[in-house]
Amino acid sequence: DTQTERWRNLINGAWNIYSSPLARAATEIVINNRSQWRNIPEKDLYMLALNKKQTQLARRALYCATGDKELAKFLSGIFLATLHGLETNLLQYGSDYTFKKELEALAQVLENYCEQQS
């Protein structure tokens, strides 16, 4: 079990969640209703709470992978932005598109950045 394999496992596990039918449906709902929710404070609070929970989970997973809280905090932005972007693209391309190259690139970026920090 190499460090590269651990990064791939973490990213693939996260991607299995983000690319699931339930996650895609939730993303479509948010995208389709975002303009209607702009002036509803309860929805803003809900979206902020959801974002905070996703960030906490990402940081925890990345901390387990790196053992460094500050590094995990920094990497969580890259990690989540990539997953969110791919999830949104999945709505366009359909569930047949796997984003294997993109997920592999994310693994390499995270691994290389961590190596440079040590």
N, C-alpha and C. Protein backbone atom coordinates (compact mmCIF):
# COMPACT_ATOMS: atom_id res chain seq x y z
N ASP A 1 0.85 -1.19 0.00
CA ASP A 1 0.00 0.00 0.00
C ASP A 1 0.89 1.25 0.00
N THR A 2 1.06 1.83 -1.15
CA THR A 2 1.91 3.00 -1.28
C THR A 2 1.12 4.27 -0.95
N GLN A 3 1.85 5.35 -0.77
CA GLN A 3 1.20 6.63 -0.52
C GLN A 3 0.29 7.01 -1.69
N THR A 4 0.73 6.72 -2.90
CA THR A 4 -0.08 7.01 -4.09
C THR A 4 -1.39 6.25 -4.03
N GLU A 5 -1.34 4.98 -3.67
CA GLU A 5 -2.56 4.18 -3.56
C GLU A 5 -3.49 4.72 -2.48
N ARG A 6 -2.92 5.20 -1.39
CA ARG A 6 -3.75 5.78 -0.32
C ARG A 6 -4.46 7.03 -0.81
N TRP A 7 -3.74 7.89 -1.56
CA TRP A 7 -4.37 9.08 -2.12
C TRP A 7 -5.49 8.68 -3.09
N ARG A 8 -5.21 7.71 -3.94
CA ARG A 8 -6.24 7.24 -4.88
C ARG A 8 -7.45 6.70 -4.16
N ASN A 9 -7.23 5.93 -3.10
CA ASN A 9 -8.36 5.37 -2.34
C ASN A 9 -9.19 6.47 -1.69
N LEU A 10 -8.53 7.47 -1.13
CA LEU A 10 -9.24 8.58 -0.51
C LEU A 10 -10.07 9.33 -1.55
N ILE A 11 -9.45 9.65 -2.67
CA ILE A 11 -10.13 10.41 -3.72
C ILE A 11 -11.25 9.59 -4.35
N ASN A 12 -11.00 8.33 -4.61
CA ASN A 12 -12.04 7.48 -5.20
C ASN A 12 -13.21 7.28 -4.24
N GLY A 13 -12.93 7.16 -2.95
CA GLY A 13 -14.00 7.05 -1.96
C GLY A 13 -14.85 8.31 -1.93
N ALA A 14 -14.18 9.45 -1.92
CA ALA A 14 -14.91 10.72 -1.94
C ALA A 14 -15.71 10.86 -3.24
N TRP A 15 -15.10 10.48 -4.35
CA TRP A 15 -15.78 10.60 -5.63
C TRP A 15 -17.00 9.68 -5.70
N ASN A 16 -16.93 8.51 -5.08
CA ASN A 16 -18.09 7.62 -5.05
C ASN A 16 -19.28 8.30 -4.36
N ILE A 17 -18.99 9.12 -3.37
CA ILE A 17 -20.05 9.87 -2.69
C ILE A 17 -20.55 11.01 -3.59
N TYR A 18 -19.62 11.81 -4.10
CA TYR A 18 -19.99 12.99 -4.89
C TYR A 18 -20.65 12.64 -6.22
N SER A 19 -20.34 11.48 -6.76
CA SER A 19 -20.91 11.10 -8.06
C SER A 19 -22.14 10.20 -7.92
N SER A 20 -22.58 9.96 -6.71
CA SER A 20 -23.74 9.10 -6.49
C SER A 20 -25.01 9.79 -7.01
N PRO A 21 -26.01 9.01 -7.35
CA PRO A 21 -27.26 9.62 -7.83
C PRO A 21 -27.87 10.60 -6.82
N LEU A 22 -27.77 10.30 -5.54
CA LEU A 22 -28.32 11.20 -4.52
C LEU A 22 -27.58 12.54 -4.50
N ALA A 23 -26.26 12.48 -4.56
CA ALA A 23 -25.47 13.72 -4.57
C ALA A 23 -25.74 14.53 -5.82
N ARG A 24 -25.85 13.86 -6.95
CA ARG A 24 -26.14 14.58 -8.20
C ARG A 24 -27.50 15.24 -8.15
N ALA A 25 -28.48 14.53 -7.60
CA ALA A 25 -29.83 15.11 -7.48
C ALA A 25 -29.81 16.33 -6.56
N ALA A 26 -29.10 16.22 -5.44
CA ALA A 26 -29.01 17.36 -4.52
C ALA A 26 -28.34 18.55 -5.19
N THR A 27 -27.30 18.30 -5.96
CA THR A 27 -26.61 19.38 -6.67
C THR A 27 -27.53 20.03 -7.69
N GLU A 28 -28.29 19.22 -8.41
CA GLU A 28 -29.23 19.78 -9.38
C GLU A 28 -30.28 20.65 -8.70
N ILE A 29 -30.75 20.22 -7.56
CA ILE A 29 -31.74 21.02 -6.82
C ILE A 29 -31.15 22.36 -6.40
N VAL A 30 -29.94 22.33 -5.86
CA VAL A 30 -29.29 23.56 -5.44
C VAL A 30 -29.07 24.49 -6.63
N ILE A 31 -28.56 23.96 -7.71
CA ILE A 31 -28.29 24.78 -8.90
C ILE A 31 -29.59 25.38 -9.44
N ASN A 32 -30.63 24.56 -9.53
CA ASN A 32 -31.88 25.03 -10.11
C ASN A 32 -32.64 26.01 -9.22
N ASN A 33 -32.38 25.99 -7.93
CA ASN A 33 -33.13 26.85 -7.01
C ASN A 33 -32.31 27.97 -6.39
N ARG A 34 -31.05 28.09 -6.74
CA ARG A 34 -30.18 29.05 -6.07
C ARG A 34 -30.69 30.48 -6.18
N SER A 35 -31.25 30.86 -7.32
CA SER A 35 -31.72 32.24 -7.46
C SER A 35 -32.96 32.48 -6.60
N GLN A 36 -33.80 31.49 -6.43
CA GLN A 36 -34.99 31.63 -5.60
C GLN A 36 -34.65 31.67 -4.11
N TRP A 37 -33.53 31.07 -3.74
CA TRP A 37 -33.15 30.97 -2.33
C TRP A 37 -32.34 32.17 -1.85
N ARG A 38 -31.94 33.04 -2.74
CA ARG A 38 -31.03 34.13 -2.38
C ARG A 38 -31.54 34.98 -1.22
N ASN A 39 -32.81 35.23 -1.14
CA ASN A 39 -33.35 36.11 -0.12
C ASN A 39 -34.06 35.36 1.00
N ILE A 40 -33.76 34.09 1.14
CA ILE A 40 -34.37 33.29 2.21
C ILE A 40 -33.27 32.93 3.20
N PRO A 41 -33.22 33.64 4.34
CA PRO A 41 -32.13 33.43 5.31
C PRO A 41 -31.98 31.98 5.76
N GLU A 42 -33.08 31.25 5.91
CA GLU A 42 -33.00 29.85 6.36
C GLU A 42 -32.23 28.99 5.36
N LYS A 43 -32.43 29.26 4.07
CA LYS A 43 -31.72 28.49 3.05
C LYS A 43 -30.24 28.85 3.04
N ASP A 44 -29.94 30.13 3.22
CA ASP A 44 -28.54 30.55 3.30
C ASP A 44 -27.85 29.86 4.47
N LEU A 45 -28.53 29.83 5.62
CA LEU A 45 -27.95 29.18 6.80
C LEU A 45 -27.77 27.69 6.57
N TYR A 46 -28.74 27.08 5.90
CA TYR A 46 -28.63 25.66 5.60
C TYR A 46 -27.44 25.39 4.68
N MET A 47 -27.29 26.18 3.64
CA MET A 47 -26.19 25.98 2.69
C MET A 47 -24.84 26.22 3.37
N LEU A 48 -24.78 27.22 4.25
CA LEU A 48 -23.53 27.47 4.98
C LEU A 48 -23.21 26.29 5.90
N ALA A 49 -24.22 25.76 6.57
CA ALA A 49 -24.00 24.61 7.46
C ALA A 49 -23.56 23.39 6.66
N LEU A 50 -24.16 23.18 5.51
CA LEU A 50 -23.78 22.06 4.64
C LEU A 50 -22.33 22.21 4.18
N ASN A 51 -21.97 23.40 3.77
CA ASN A 51 -20.60 23.67 3.32
C ASN A 51 -19.61 23.46 4.47
N LYS A 52 -19.98 23.91 5.66
CA LYS A 52 -19.10 23.75 6.83
C LYS A 52 -18.89 22.26 7.13
N LYS A 53 -19.95 21.47 7.06
CA LYS A 53 -19.84 20.02 7.34
C LYS A 53 -18.97 19.33 6.29
N GLN A 54 -19.16 19.68 5.03
CA GLN A 54 -18.33 19.09 3.98
C GLN A 54 -16.85 19.44 4.19
N THR A 55 -16.60 20.67 4.57
CA THR A 55 -15.22 21.11 4.81
C THR A 55 -14.63 20.37 5.99
N GLN A 56 -15.40 20.20 7.06
CA GLN A 56 -14.91 19.47 8.24
C GLN A 56 -14.57 18.04 7.88
N LEU A 57 -15.43 17.39 7.14
CA LEU A 57 -15.18 16.00 6.74
C LEU A 57 -13.96 15.88 5.84
N ALA A 58 -13.82 16.82 4.92
CA ALA A 58 -12.66 16.80 4.02
C ALA A 58 -11.38 17.01 4.82
N ARG A 59 -11.40 17.97 5.72
CA ARG A 59 -10.20 18.24 6.53
C ARG A 59 -9.84 17.03 7.39
N ARG A 60 -10.85 16.37 7.94
CA ARG A 60 -10.59 15.19 8.77
C ARG A 60 -9.96 14.07 7.93
N ALA A 61 -10.51 13.84 6.76
CA ALA A 61 -9.97 12.79 5.87
C ALA A 61 -8.55 13.14 5.44
N LEU A 62 -8.32 14.41 5.11
CA LEU A 62 -6.99 14.81 4.67
C LEU A 62 -6.00 14.83 5.82
N TYR A 63 -6.47 15.12 7.02
CA TYR A 63 -5.59 15.04 8.19
C TYR A 63 -5.16 13.59 8.42
N CYS A 64 -6.09 12.67 8.25
CA CYS A 64 -5.73 11.24 8.39
C CYS A 64 -4.70 10.85 7.33
N ALA A 65 -4.80 11.45 6.16
CA ALA A 65 -3.86 11.11 5.08
C ALA A 65 -2.50 11.77 5.27
N THR A 66 -2.47 12.96 5.89
CA THR A 66 -1.22 13.71 5.97
C THR A 66 -0.63 13.78 7.36
N GLY A 67 -1.47 13.71 8.40
CA GLY A 67 -1.00 13.87 9.77
C GLY A 67 -0.68 15.31 10.13
N ASP A 68 -1.09 16.25 9.30
CA ASP A 68 -0.76 17.66 9.50
C ASP A 68 -2.05 18.49 9.34
N LYS A 69 -2.50 19.11 10.44
CA LYS A 69 -3.77 19.84 10.41
C LYS A 69 -3.74 21.04 9.48
N GLU A 70 -2.65 21.79 9.49
CA GLU A 70 -2.58 22.98 8.62
C GLU A 70 -2.53 22.58 7.15
N LEU A 71 -1.81 21.54 6.86
CA LEU A 71 -1.74 21.04 5.49
C LEU A 71 -3.11 20.54 5.05
N ALA A 72 -3.78 19.81 5.91
CA ALA A 72 -5.13 19.30 5.60
C ALA A 72 -6.10 20.46 5.36
N LYS A 73 -5.96 21.51 6.16
CA LYS A 73 -6.82 22.69 6.00
C LYS A 73 -6.61 23.31 4.63
N PHE A 74 -5.36 23.47 4.23
CA PHE A 74 -5.04 24.05 2.92
C PHE A 74 -5.53 23.14 1.80
N LEU A 75 -5.23 21.86 1.88
CA LEU A 75 -5.57 20.92 0.81
C LEU A 75 -7.07 20.74 0.65
N SER A 76 -7.83 20.97 1.71
CA SER A 76 -9.28 20.75 1.62
C SER A 76 -9.92 21.65 0.57
N GLY A 77 -9.40 22.85 0.39
CA GLY A 77 -9.95 23.73 -0.64
C GLY A 77 -9.76 23.17 -2.04
N ILE A 78 -8.57 22.67 -2.31
CA ILE A 78 -8.27 22.07 -3.62
C ILE A 78 -9.11 20.80 -3.81
N PHE A 79 -9.14 20.00 -2.79
CA PHE A 79 -9.86 18.72 -2.80
C PHE A 79 -11.35 18.95 -3.09
N LEU A 80 -11.97 19.84 -2.32
CA LEU A 80 -13.41 20.08 -2.47
C LEU A 80 -13.73 20.81 -3.78
N ALA A 81 -12.91 21.78 -4.15
CA ALA A 81 -13.17 22.51 -5.39
C ALA A 81 -13.14 21.54 -6.59
N THR A 82 -12.20 20.62 -6.57
CA THR A 82 -12.11 19.66 -7.67
C THR A 82 -13.32 18.74 -7.68
N LEU A 83 -13.68 18.20 -6.50
CA LEU A 83 -14.84 17.31 -6.45
C LEU A 83 -16.13 18.01 -6.84
N HIS A 84 -16.31 19.24 -6.37
CA HIS A 84 -17.51 20.00 -6.73
C HIS A 84 -17.55 20.29 -8.23
N GLY A 85 -16.40 20.67 -8.77
CA GLY A 85 -16.34 20.95 -10.20
C GLY A 85 -16.64 19.72 -11.04
N LEU A 86 -16.05 18.60 -10.66
CA LEU A 86 -16.31 17.36 -11.41
C LEU A 86 -17.76 16.93 -11.25
N GLU A 87 -18.30 17.11 -10.06
CA GLU A 87 -19.70 16.74 -9.83
C GLU A 87 -20.63 17.58 -10.72
N THR A 88 -20.35 18.85 -10.83
CA THR A 88 -21.15 19.71 -11.68
C THR A 88 -20.99 19.32 -13.15
N ASN A 89 -19.78 19.01 -13.56
CA ASN A 89 -19.55 18.55 -14.93
C ASN A 89 -20.25 17.23 -15.21
N LEU A 90 -20.37 16.41 -14.19
CA LEU A 90 -21.05 15.12 -14.36
C LEU A 90 -22.50 15.33 -14.78
N LEU A 91 -23.10 16.41 -14.33
CA LEU A 91 -24.47 16.72 -14.74
C LEU A 91 -24.55 16.96 -16.24
N GLN A 92 -23.49 17.50 -16.82
CA GLN A 92 -23.45 17.75 -18.26
C GLN A 92 -23.09 16.50 -19.06
N TYR A 93 -22.06 15.78 -18.58
CA TYR A 93 -21.54 14.66 -19.35
C TYR A 93 -22.31 13.36 -19.13
N GLY A 94 -23.01 13.24 -18.04
CA GLY A 94 -23.74 12.02 -17.74
C GLY A 94 -22.91 11.06 -16.92
N SER A 95 -23.57 10.11 -16.31
CA SER A 95 -22.92 9.20 -15.36
C SER A 95 -21.94 8.23 -16.01
N ASP A 96 -21.93 8.14 -17.33
CA ASP A 96 -20.98 7.25 -18.00
C ASP A 96 -19.55 7.81 -17.99
N TYR A 97 -19.42 9.12 -17.84
CA TYR A 97 -18.09 9.72 -17.82
C TYR A 97 -17.47 9.52 -16.45
N THR A 98 -16.26 8.98 -16.41
CA THR A 98 -15.66 8.56 -15.13
C THR A 98 -14.71 9.57 -14.51
N PHE A 99 -14.20 10.51 -15.29
CA PHE A 99 -13.23 11.49 -14.82
C PHE A 99 -11.98 10.82 -14.23
N LYS A 100 -11.61 9.66 -14.76
CA LYS A 100 -10.44 8.94 -14.24
C LYS A 100 -9.16 9.77 -14.33
N LYS A 101 -8.95 10.42 -15.46
CA LYS A 101 -7.73 11.22 -15.62
C LYS A 101 -7.71 12.39 -14.65
N GLU A 102 -8.84 13.02 -14.47
CA GLU A 102 -8.93 14.17 -13.58
C GLU A 102 -8.71 13.77 -12.13
N LEU A 103 -9.29 12.64 -11.74
CA LEU A 103 -9.12 12.15 -10.36
C LEU A 103 -7.68 11.71 -10.12
N GLU A 104 -7.07 11.11 -11.12
CA GLU A 104 -5.66 10.73 -11.01
C GLU A 104 -4.79 11.98 -10.88
N ALA A 105 -5.11 13.01 -11.65
CA ALA A 105 -4.36 14.27 -11.56
C ALA A 105 -4.49 14.88 -10.17
N LEU A 106 -5.69 14.83 -9.59
CA LEU A 106 -5.89 15.34 -8.24
C LEU A 106 -5.01 14.57 -7.24
N ALA A 107 -4.96 13.26 -7.38
CA ALA A 107 -4.12 12.45 -6.50
C ALA A 107 -2.66 12.86 -6.62
N GLN A 108 -2.21 13.06 -7.84
CA GLN A 108 -0.82 13.45 -8.06
C GLN A 108 -0.52 14.83 -7.49
N VAL A 109 -1.45 15.77 -7.68
CA VAL A 109 -1.25 17.12 -7.15
C VAL A 109 -1.14 17.09 -5.63
N LEU A 110 -2.06 16.39 -4.98
CA LEU A 110 -2.04 16.33 -3.51
C LEU A 110 -0.78 15.63 -3.00
N GLU A 111 -0.45 14.52 -3.63
CA GLU A 111 0.75 13.80 -3.20
C GLU A 111 2.01 14.63 -3.41
N ASN A 112 2.14 15.24 -4.57
CA ASN A 112 3.33 16.05 -4.85
C ASN A 112 3.43 17.24 -3.91
N TYR A 113 2.33 17.89 -3.64
CA TYR A 113 2.35 19.03 -2.73
C TYR A 113 2.80 18.59 -1.34
N CYS A 114 2.28 17.48 -0.89
CA CYS A 114 2.66 16.97 0.44
C CYS A 114 4.14 16.61 0.49
N GLU A 115 4.64 16.01 -0.57
CA GLU A 115 6.07 15.66 -0.63
C GLU A 115 6.94 16.92 -0.55
N GLN A 116 6.51 17.99 -1.21
CA GLN A 116 7.27 19.24 -1.19
C GLN A 116 7.26 19.89 0.19
N GLN A 117 6.22 19.64 0.96
CA GLN A 117 6.11 20.24 2.28
C GLN A 117 6.91 19.51 3.35
N SER A 118 7.29 18.25 3.04
CA SER A 118 8.05 17.49 4.06
C SER A 118 9.53 17.68 3.96
